[in-house]
Protein backbone atom coordinates (compact mmCIF):
# COMPACT_ATOMS: atom_id res chain seq x y z
CA UNK A 1 159.20 117.77 116.51
CA UNK A 2 156.50 120.61 116.04
CA UNK A 3 154.78 118.32 113.52
CA UNK A 4 155.14 115.01 115.66
CA UNK A 5 153.80 116.86 118.86
CA UNK A 6 150.65 118.07 116.46
CA UNK A 7 149.80 114.54 115.39
CA UNK A 8 149.85 113.40 118.93
CA UNK A 9 148.22 116.39 120.93
CA UNK A 10 146.09 118.28 118.52
CA UNK A 11 143.70 115.97 117.95
CA UNK A 12 140.54 118.06 118.26
CA UNK A 13 137.89 118.30 115.54
CA UNK A 14 134.88 120.24 115.69
CA UNK A 15 131.77 117.79 115.83
CA UNK A 16 133.52 114.64 117.22
CA UNK A 17 132.66 113.08 120.67
CA UNK A 18 133.85 110.17 122.71
CA UNK A 19 131.02 110.29 125.19
CA UNK A 20 127.32 110.83 125.81
CA UNK A 21 126.39 112.23 129.19
CA UNK A 22 123.70 110.85 131.30
CA UNK A 23 120.22 112.52 131.63
CA UNK A 24 120.01 114.71 134.41
CA UNK A 25 118.93 113.63 137.46
CA UNK A 26 118.62 117.17 139.13
CA UNK A 27 114.64 117.83 139.67
CA UNK A 28 113.27 120.10 137.12
CA UNK A 29 112.34 122.75 139.68
CA UNK A 30 115.83 123.07 140.74
CA UNK A 31 117.74 125.20 138.49
CA UNK A 32 121.78 125.59 138.13
CA UNK A 33 121.55 128.82 139.70
CA UNK A 34 119.61 127.75 142.77
CA UNK A 35 121.99 125.13 143.55
CA UNK A 36 125.15 127.21 142.91
CA UNK A 37 125.94 130.63 143.91
CA UNK A 38 125.89 132.69 140.84
CA UNK A 39 129.57 134.13 141.49
CA UNK A 40 131.07 130.43 141.22
CA UNK A 41 129.07 129.94 137.76
CA UNK A 42 130.95 130.25 134.33
CA UNK A 43 129.74 133.06 131.99
CA UNK A 44 131.39 131.46 129.11
CA UNK A 45 131.09 127.70 128.10
CA UNK A 46 134.23 125.51 128.53
CA UNK A 47 136.12 124.95 125.70
CA UNK A 48 137.31 121.23 125.84
CA UNK A 49 138.62 119.21 122.94
CA UNK A 50 136.22 117.44 120.60
CA UNK A 51 137.96 113.99 119.95
CA UNK A 52 136.39 110.80 119.14
CA UNK A 53 136.79 107.68 121.33
CA UNK A 54 139.07 105.64 119.27
CA UNK A 55 141.44 108.73 119.01
CA UNK A 56 141.20 109.00 123.00
CA UNK A 57 141.92 105.69 123.31
CA UNK A 58 144.94 105.28 120.88
CA UNK A 59 146.27 108.57 122.12
CA UNK A 60 146.73 107.49 125.78
CA UNK A 61 147.90 103.84 124.79
CA UNK A 62 150.68 105.53 122.80
CA UNK A 63 151.41 107.55 125.84
CA UNK A 64 151.74 104.59 128.09
CA UNK A 65 153.88 102.74 125.69
CA UNK A 66 156.57 105.52 126.10
CA UNK A 67 156.13 105.33 129.80
CA UNK A 68 158.76 102.97 131.69
CA UNK A 69 157.52 101.25 134.82
CA UNK A 70 157.81 97.79 136.56
CA UNK A 71 155.28 96.09 134.59
CA UNK A 72 157.05 96.22 131.23
CA UNK A 73 160.96 96.30 132.37
CA UNK A 74 163.92 96.15 134.87
CA UNK A 75 163.81 99.04 137.23
CA UNK A 76 167.04 98.69 139.27
CA UNK A 77 166.52 102.37 140.93
CA UNK A 78 168.50 102.17 144.08
CA UNK A 79 167.28 103.42 147.27
CA UNK A 80 163.80 103.54 145.58
CA UNK A 81 162.57 99.92 145.72
CA UNK A 82 160.74 100.15 142.50
CA UNK A 83 159.72 96.24 142.87
CA UNK A 84 156.81 94.33 141.13
CA UNK A 85 153.23 95.39 142.25
CA UNK A 86 151.26 92.17 142.59
CA UNK A 87 148.04 92.32 141.08
CA UNK A 88 145.96 90.60 143.96
CA UNK A 89 146.58 94.23 145.62
CA UNK A 90 144.77 96.08 142.87
CA UNK A 91 142.05 93.29 142.94
CA UNK A 92 141.32 93.75 146.66
CA UNK A 93 141.77 97.88 146.70
CA UNK A 94 138.97 97.71 143.89
CA UNK A 95 136.35 95.87 146.24
CA UNK A 96 133.30 97.75 146.25
CA UNK A 97 133.32 97.73 149.98
CA UNK A 98 136.63 99.40 150.05
CA UNK A 99 136.60 101.28 147.04
CA UNK A 100 133.20 103.03 147.09
CA UNK A 101 132.99 104.26 150.65
CA UNK A 102 133.28 107.85 151.77
CA UNK A 103 135.70 108.58 154.71
CA UNK A 104 133.26 110.69 156.56
CA UNK A 105 130.53 108.25 156.62
CA UNK A 106 129.05 107.05 159.89
CA UNK A 107 131.81 104.81 161.76
CA UNK A 108 129.34 102.33 162.42
CA UNK A 109 128.81 101.76 158.16
CA UNK A 110 132.53 101.40 157.81
CA UNK A 111 133.47 98.78 160.35
CA UNK A 112 135.43 96.60 157.72
CA UNK A 113 137.64 99.62 156.61
CA UNK A 114 138.48 100.77 160.44
CA UNK A 115 138.92 96.94 161.13
CA UNK A 116 141.60 96.82 158.15
CA UNK A 117 143.27 100.12 159.11
CA UNK A 118 143.39 98.87 162.98
CA UNK A 119 144.82 95.60 161.75
CA UNK A 120 147.60 97.08 159.40
CA UNK A 121 148.60 99.71 162.17
CA UNK A 122 149.22 96.46 164.65
CA UNK A 123 151.19 94.72 161.65
CA UNK A 124 153.51 97.77 161.17
CA UNK A 125 154.03 98.04 164.92
CA UNK A 126 154.88 94.16 165.05
CA UNK A 127 157.24 94.58 161.85
CA UNK A 128 158.79 97.61 163.23
CA UNK A 129 159.20 96.80 166.80
CA UNK A 130 157.06 100.08 167.82
CA UNK A 131 154.42 100.59 170.08
CA UNK A 132 152.15 102.23 168.16
CA UNK A 133 151.23 103.60 164.28
CA UNK A 134 150.06 106.30 162.62
CA UNK A 135 148.76 105.59 159.21
CA UNK A 136 148.13 109.28 157.78
CA UNK A 137 151.49 110.58 156.32
CA UNK A 138 151.18 110.58 152.38
CA UNK A 139 154.71 109.39 151.89
CA UNK A 140 157.99 108.93 153.12
CA UNK A 141 159.16 112.71 153.63
CA UNK A 142 155.83 113.56 155.02
CA UNK A 143 156.46 110.51 157.61
CA UNK A 144 160.01 112.40 158.62
CA UNK A 145 158.38 115.46 158.85
CA UNK A 146 155.72 113.92 160.91
CA UNK A 147 158.07 112.09 163.25
CA UNK A 148 160.25 115.04 163.62
CA UNK A 149 157.52 117.32 164.50
CA UNK A 150 156.63 114.71 167.28
CA UNK A 151 160.10 114.44 168.66
CA UNK A 152 160.04 118.50 168.65
CA UNK A 153 156.93 118.30 170.62
CA UNK A 154 158.32 115.72 172.77
CA UNK A 155 161.45 117.72 173.92
CA UNK A 156 159.31 121.08 174.15
CA UNK A 157 156.76 119.11 176.78
CA UNK A 158 160.07 118.47 178.87
CA UNK A 159 160.63 122.15 178.87
CA UNK A 160 163.92 121.80 176.59
CA UNK A 161 164.97 123.43 173.58
CA UNK A 162 166.68 120.90 171.05
CA UNK A 163 166.95 122.27 167.77
CA UNK A 164 169.89 119.84 165.92
CA UNK A 165 169.22 117.15 163.77
CA UNK A 166 172.25 114.68 163.24
CA UNK A 167 172.50 112.91 159.89
CA UNK A 168 175.49 110.94 158.38
CA UNK A 169 176.76 112.40 155.03
CA UNK A 170 175.43 109.39 153.30
CA UNK A 171 171.70 110.15 154.25
CA UNK A 172 168.94 110.56 152.16
CA UNK A 173 168.38 114.26 150.70
CA UNK A 174 165.07 114.20 152.15
CA UNK A 175 166.46 113.87 155.59
CA UNK A 176 167.87 117.56 156.09
CA UNK A 177 164.86 118.88 153.92
CA UNK A 178 162.22 117.11 156.58
CA UNK A 179 164.29 118.50 159.56
CA UNK A 180 164.50 122.16 158.06
CA UNK A 181 160.62 121.86 157.53
CA UNK A 182 160.10 121.04 161.07
CA UNK A 183 162.15 124.11 162.29
CA UNK A 184 165.14 122.21 163.10
CA UNK A 185 168.70 122.32 162.12
CA UNK A 186 170.96 119.80 160.39
CA UNK A 187 174.40 118.92 161.72
CA UNK A 188 175.84 116.35 158.97
CA UNK A 189 178.51 113.86 160.36
CA UNK A 190 181.28 111.93 158.05
CA UNK A 191 181.29 108.40 157.48
CA UNK A 192 184.38 106.41 158.23
CA UNK A 193 186.48 104.89 155.16
CA UNK A 194 184.40 101.58 155.59
CA UNK A 195 180.96 103.65 154.63
CA UNK A 196 179.96 103.43 158.53
CA UNK A 197 178.84 105.83 161.14
CA UNK A 198 182.12 107.72 162.48
CA UNK A 199 181.27 107.12 166.21
CA UNK A 200 183.90 109.59 167.13
CA UNK A 201 182.35 112.43 164.98
CA UNK A 202 178.80 111.38 166.53
CA UNK A 203 180.13 111.71 170.23
CA UNK A 204 181.65 115.36 169.20
CA UNK A 205 178.39 116.24 167.51
CA UNK A 206 176.04 115.46 170.40
CA UNK A 207 175.14 117.74 172.98
CA UNK A 208 172.31 119.29 175.03
CA UNK A 209 171.07 120.63 171.86
CA UNK A 210 170.50 117.39 170.24
CA UNK A 211 166.92 116.51 169.19
CA UNK A 212 167.63 113.69 167.14
CA UNK A 213 169.82 111.55 164.97
CA UNK A 214 168.34 110.25 161.57
CA UNK A 215 169.55 107.12 160.21
CA UNK A 216 168.87 104.52 157.64
CA UNK A 217 170.00 100.72 158.54
CA UNK A 218 170.99 99.70 156.24
CA UNK A 219 172.41 102.88 154.95
CA UNK A 220 172.05 104.47 151.34
CA UNK A 221 175.35 102.74 150.70
CA UNK A 222 173.77 99.26 151.09
CA UNK A 223 175.80 98.62 154.48
CA UNK A 224 174.09 97.50 157.86
CA UNK A 225 175.55 99.59 160.67
CA UNK A 226 176.73 96.69 163.07
CA UNK A 227 177.26 99.48 165.89
CA UNK A 228 173.81 100.51 166.00
CA UNK A 229 173.59 99.52 169.56
CA UNK A 230 176.33 101.77 170.76
CA UNK A 231 175.15 104.50 168.36
CA UNK A 232 171.63 104.67 170.09
CA UNK A 233 173.26 104.83 173.35
CA UNK A 234 175.57 107.87 172.49
CA UNK A 235 172.48 109.30 171.12
CA UNK A 236 170.37 108.62 174.10
CA UNK A 237 172.80 109.52 176.88
CA UNK A 238 172.85 113.08 175.33
CA UNK A 239 168.95 113.00 175.86
CA UNK A 240 168.17 112.64 172.05
CA UNK A 241 166.00 110.35 169.99
CA UNK A 242 166.71 108.31 167.21
CA UNK A 243 164.69 108.44 164.12
CA UNK A 244 164.79 105.63 161.46
CA UNK A 245 164.32 106.30 157.76
CA UNK A 246 162.45 103.20 157.03
CA UNK A 247 163.41 103.64 152.95
CA UNK A 248 165.54 100.50 153.29
CA UNK A 249 163.07 98.48 154.99
CA UNK A 250 163.04 95.81 152.14
CA UNK A 251 166.44 94.55 153.54
CA UNK A 252 165.20 93.50 157.12
CA UNK A 253 161.84 92.63 156.99
CA UNK A 254 161.20 89.32 159.36
CA UNK A 255 164.94 89.70 160.22
CA UNK A 256 165.54 92.52 162.56
CA UNK A 257 163.44 95.43 163.72
CA UNK A 258 164.16 99.51 164.17
CA UNK A 259 162.68 98.88 167.73
CA UNK A 260 164.91 96.23 168.77
CA UNK A 261 168.08 98.67 167.23
CA UNK A 262 166.98 101.36 169.77
CA UNK A 263 164.79 103.42 167.52
CA UNK A 264 162.30 105.68 168.60
CA UNK A 265 160.58 106.60 165.57
CA UNK A 266 160.24 104.93 162.30
CA UNK A 267 158.56 105.74 159.01
CA UNK A 268 157.96 103.14 156.22
CA UNK A 269 157.61 103.77 152.60
CA UNK A 270 154.37 101.43 151.98
CA UNK A 271 154.93 102.28 148.23
CA UNK A 272 158.35 100.61 148.31
CA UNK A 273 158.34 98.12 150.83
CA UNK A 274 155.01 97.12 150.79
CA UNK A 275 154.86 96.86 146.90
CA UNK A 276 152.29 99.65 146.45
CA UNK A 277 152.48 102.08 143.42
CA UNK A 278 155.56 103.94 143.31
CA UNK A 279 156.09 106.79 141.05
CA UNK A 280 154.13 109.44 138.89
CA UNK A 281 153.80 111.89 141.80
CA UNK A 282 151.45 109.55 144.07
CA UNK A 283 149.34 108.72 145.90
CA UNK A 284 151.93 106.96 148.75
CA UNK A 285 151.72 106.31 152.34
CA UNK A 286 154.35 106.78 154.90
CA UNK A 287 152.96 105.54 158.21
CA UNK A 288 155.09 106.47 161.34
CA UNK A 289 155.64 104.17 164.27
CA UNK A 290 156.55 105.40 167.75
CA UNK A 291 158.00 104.25 171.03
CA UNK A 292 155.39 104.71 173.99
CA UNK A 293 157.01 108.01 175.29
CA UNK A 294 155.67 109.53 171.99
CA UNK A 295 152.38 108.08 171.75
CA UNK A 296 150.65 111.22 173.08
CA UNK A 297 152.05 113.23 170.05
CA UNK A 298 150.97 110.88 167.58
CA UNK A 299 148.79 112.72 164.83
CA UNK A 300 144.93 112.16 165.11
CA UNK A 301 142.85 110.37 164.56
CA UNK A 302 144.24 106.94 164.97
CA UNK A 303 142.20 103.75 165.05
CA UNK A 304 141.15 102.01 168.30
CA UNK A 305 139.35 98.90 168.96
CA UNK A 306 136.44 99.05 171.77
CA UNK A 307 135.26 96.80 174.45
CA UNK A 308 132.62 95.34 172.13
CA UNK A 309 134.92 94.59 169.42
CA UNK A 310 133.87 97.47 167.39
CA UNK A 311 136.01 99.94 166.01
CA UNK A 312 136.12 103.68 166.15
CA UNK A 313 138.61 106.84 165.32
CA UNK A 314 140.40 108.36 168.56
CA UNK A 315 141.39 111.90 168.02
CA UNK A 316 143.72 111.93 170.94
CA UNK A 317 144.55 114.42 173.51
CA UNK A 318 145.89 118.09 173.77
CA UNK A 319 149.66 117.02 173.14
CA UNK A 320 148.74 115.36 169.73
CA UNK A 321 150.48 117.34 166.80
CA UNK A 322 147.12 117.34 165.03
CA UNK A 323 146.20 116.20 161.47
CA UNK A 324 148.94 115.85 159.04
CA UNK A 325 146.76 114.64 156.40
CA UNK A 326 142.99 115.27 154.76
CA UNK A 327 140.49 112.13 156.03
CA UNK A 328 143.02 109.29 157.52
CA UNK A 329 145.59 108.81 155.12
CA UNK A 330 145.47 107.27 151.63
CA UNK A 331 143.15 104.65 152.32
CA UNK A 332 143.70 102.72 148.82
CA UNK A 333 147.11 102.31 149.19
CA UNK A 334 147.19 101.14 152.82
CA UNK A 335 144.62 98.45 151.39
CA UNK A 336 147.21 97.77 149.02
CA UNK A 337 149.88 97.25 151.76
CA UNK A 338 147.63 95.12 153.97
CA UNK A 339 146.93 92.94 151.14
CA UNK A 340 150.50 92.40 150.72
CA UNK A 341 151.38 91.62 154.23
CA UNK A 342 148.62 89.39 154.71
CA UNK A 343 149.74 87.29 151.63
CA UNK A 344 152.98 86.87 152.59
CA UNK A 345 152.87 86.42 156.26
CA UNK A 346 155.60 86.79 158.75
CA UNK A 347 157.70 83.91 156.84
CA UNK A 348 157.02 85.24 153.66
CA UNK A 349 158.66 88.82 154.45
CA UNK A 350 161.42 87.23 155.78
CA UNK A 351 161.81 85.49 152.56
CA UNK A 352 161.08 88.60 150.63
CA UNK A 353 164.09 90.37 152.35
CA UNK A 354 166.60 87.43 151.89
CA UNK A 355 165.86 87.26 148.34
CA UNK A 356 166.30 91.04 148.11
CA UNK A 357 169.74 90.71 149.95
CA UNK A 358 170.84 87.68 147.71
CA UNK A 359 169.84 89.35 144.45
CA UNK A 360 171.93 92.56 145.42
CA UNK A 361 174.93 90.13 146.37
CA UNK A 362 174.99 88.46 143.14
CA UNK A 363 174.90 91.16 141.01
CA UNK A 364 177.82 93.21 143.18
CA UNK A 365 179.79 89.90 142.94
CA UNK A 366 179.45 89.33 138.96
CA UNK A 367 179.92 93.12 138.12
CA UNK A 368 183.02 93.44 140.65
CA UNK A 369 185.71 92.77 137.83
CA UNK A 370 184.34 95.64 135.75
CA UNK A 371 183.71 98.53 138.19
CA UNK A 372 185.03 99.83 141.46
CA UNK A 373 183.22 98.41 144.56
CA UNK A 374 184.13 101.14 146.94
CA UNK A 375 182.69 98.87 150.07
CA UNK A 376 183.40 95.20 149.19
CA UNK A 377 182.26 92.76 151.62
CA UNK A 378 178.50 91.49 152.05
CA UNK A 379 175.71 94.36 151.07
CA UNK A 380 172.07 94.51 151.98
CA UNK A 381 169.38 95.10 149.45
CA UNK A 382 171.39 97.39 147.37
CA UNK A 383 174.99 98.37 146.53
CA UNK A 384 176.91 101.20 145.34
CA UNK A 385 179.88 100.98 142.64
CA UNK A 386 181.85 103.58 140.71
CA UNK A 387 182.36 103.95 137.05
CA UNK A 388 185.40 105.94 137.70
CA UNK A 389 187.47 103.62 135.87
CA UNK A 390 185.72 104.52 132.33
CA UNK A 391 186.85 108.05 132.37
CA UNK A 392 190.01 107.33 131.06
CA UNK A 393 188.20 106.41 127.89
CA UNK A 394 185.97 109.76 128.28
CA UNK A 395 183.20 108.01 129.39
CA UNK A 396 181.25 109.02 132.73
CA UNK A 397 178.47 107.21 134.66
CA UNK A 398 175.48 109.40 133.07
CA UNK A 399 176.90 107.88 129.83
CA UNK A 400 176.33 104.38 130.78
CA UNK A 401 172.92 105.29 132.27
CA UNK A 402 171.93 106.89 128.51
CA UNK A 403 173.58 103.81 126.85
CA UNK A 404 171.04 100.97 129.26
CA UNK A 405 168.25 102.74 127.75
CA UNK A 406 169.06 101.42 124.29
CA UNK A 407 169.06 98.08 126.00
CA UNK A 408 165.59 98.57 127.23
CA UNK A 409 166.56 98.86 130.83
CA UNK A 410 165.79 101.83 133.28
CA UNK A 411 169.16 103.02 134.59
CA UNK A 412 170.24 102.61 138.26
CA UNK A 413 170.57 105.73 140.53
CA UNK A 414 173.36 107.74 139.50
CA UNK A 415 175.65 110.14 141.20
CA UNK A 416 174.12 109.52 144.64
CA UNK A 417 175.32 109.32 147.52
CA UNK A 418 177.58 112.09 146.85
CA UNK A 419 180.24 110.41 148.62
CA UNK A 420 181.31 108.14 146.04
CA UNK A 421 182.60 109.55 142.86
CA UNK A 422 180.89 108.52 139.67
CA UNK A 423 178.57 106.68 141.50
CA UNK A 424 175.79 103.88 140.49
CA UNK A 425 173.32 102.42 143.32
CA UNK A 426 171.73 99.41 142.06
CA UNK A 427 168.70 97.69 143.75
CA UNK A 428 167.34 94.51 142.03
CA UNK A 429 164.59 93.70 144.58
CA UNK A 430 163.41 90.41 145.41
CA UNK A 431 161.18 90.10 142.70
CA UNK A 432 163.63 89.48 139.42
CA UNK A 433 164.54 86.43 138.23
CA UNK A 434 168.19 85.44 137.72
CA UNK A 435 167.42 85.68 134.09
CA UNK A 436 166.88 89.21 134.55
CA UNK A 437 169.63 89.87 136.81
CA UNK A 438 172.05 88.07 134.50
CA UNK A 439 170.71 90.01 131.37
CA UNK A 440 171.38 93.53 132.74
CA UNK A 441 174.75 92.34 134.33
CA UNK A 442 175.75 90.96 130.84
CA UNK A 443 174.62 94.51 129.22
CA UNK A 444 176.55 96.53 131.87
CA UNK A 445 179.77 94.43 130.98
CA UNK A 446 179.19 95.21 127.14
CA UNK A 447 178.83 98.74 127.74
CA UNK A 448 182.17 98.71 129.55
CA UNK A 449 183.65 97.00 126.59
CA UNK A 450 182.13 99.57 124.24
CA UNK A 451 183.47 102.20 126.59
CA UNK A 452 186.93 100.60 125.92
CA UNK A 453 186.90 99.85 122.28
CA UNK A 454 184.05 102.38 120.89
CA UNK A 455 183.58 104.98 123.38
CA UNK A 456 181.92 107.31 121.12
CA UNK A 457 179.08 104.76 120.92
CA UNK A 458 178.30 105.36 124.71
CA UNK A 459 179.08 108.99 125.02
CA UNK A 460 176.39 109.46 122.39
CA UNK A 461 173.82 107.41 123.53
CA UNK A 462 170.91 106.63 123.58
CA UNK A 463 170.42 105.89 119.87
CA UNK A 464 166.97 104.08 119.98
CA UNK A 465 164.88 106.39 121.95
CA UNK A 466 162.50 108.68 120.36
CA UNK A 467 164.20 111.53 122.39
CA UNK A 468 167.94 111.44 122.64
CA UNK A 469 170.04 113.57 125.40
CA UNK A 470 168.01 116.74 126.50
CA UNK A 471 169.87 119.94 128.12
CA UNK A 472 169.21 118.36 131.59
CA UNK A 473 169.90 121.95 133.28
CA UNK A 474 167.90 123.76 131.00
CA UNK A 475 165.26 121.22 131.40
CA UNK A 476 165.49 121.45 135.11
CA UNK A 477 165.33 125.32 135.14
CA UNK A 478 163.14 126.31 132.03
CA UNK A 479 160.96 123.22 131.59
CA UNK A 480 158.60 123.44 128.33
CA UNK A 481 155.09 122.87 129.92
CA UNK A 482 153.05 123.09 126.68
CA UNK A 483 153.03 121.05 123.46
CA UNK A 484 152.98 123.50 120.68
CA UNK A 485 156.61 124.24 121.14
CA UNK A 486 159.50 123.10 119.03
């Protein structure tokens, strides 16, 4: 391992260079010391690698081939919607009039960008059934926190102290975390044996201290809450609001809207639903939409259209929760989402949802004879299944996930939701062909047969990757962050 890492990372050799710096364009009379305070200047020159251009290119190309992404394989990561990113999105985001502007330019010089943001706000409002949208939040969980801060501000403006946020036991882990970050307390309620919200448990949980119910519909189990109208009535009658976690919007675009279900706040993961890049730490975007009662609390600024058809930034009134992101959000991601929506249009977005649901149901139906399906029936964009039937052979869900690596597939989400034993959560998305789905399904069936006949092959997987199994507990608690270790 030390030798391999040395060959990959320790490439610097004295005298080698991969670039030539341009000539200095600072006037000769202006010295470095006159432009930068002396306390901020280095006393010693920075030590940088000395590497040739060809070595740099080969280094990063080699690393890229070790990475797995939607451009080089099937990525059925349940709940995360790792779907293909259309390259037209990237082309538009690189238009010089969008990529080379500065967020603090005068408004009259960035009218095109402001119009794009204004149109995107309206598109997302129409898509979700909300009355207004803020584009500021940088990701889904950031959108959750933003929405909860608005809910908290709303109750406080009415002189009410409401501190409890209700979540189902199958909720995303970010839901209780976001509630805690917003200074609120989480109350977890159980699901029924059919995976739905338990209405009696919900009635028992709501009260004068209920700030909101956070719900994903369809849920993390891939199930649509058919009693959503009654759920909304229960929460609203108690004086609480409904928060819609938009992580699973890939199943409902163009078919139904959170606003029509009774939700008051919604966030959308543009890096999931709208096909913008997902993974690698960002940037992302998690716009938040609200009903009219929450508009005064939206983070500012938002983009508004003036009477002369020009566009400007509105920094809002005193009830706004303030700015939640530097500048006005991750603009490049917003451009990609805008392109996606405009490319498909209303009918196309509906077809996206229908195909996502069709693909998931096809996979679930074919895999049902080999794995336990805890919630049979029609699923939405994703489904959960259990590998507990393989435990009799000494094989667990983690082993199945590791074995998939040998066949060039990224594993699905495993052991989540926690309510399903030996859980696998699979989301094929709408962009995958039947041939791709069949190849994955056939591989899963092969792994089941291996578990029955030669379980050691599965238990000791992966066999073909550069690195086999890690001590995952130690890797999480004591990560090795340098390249010179063994």
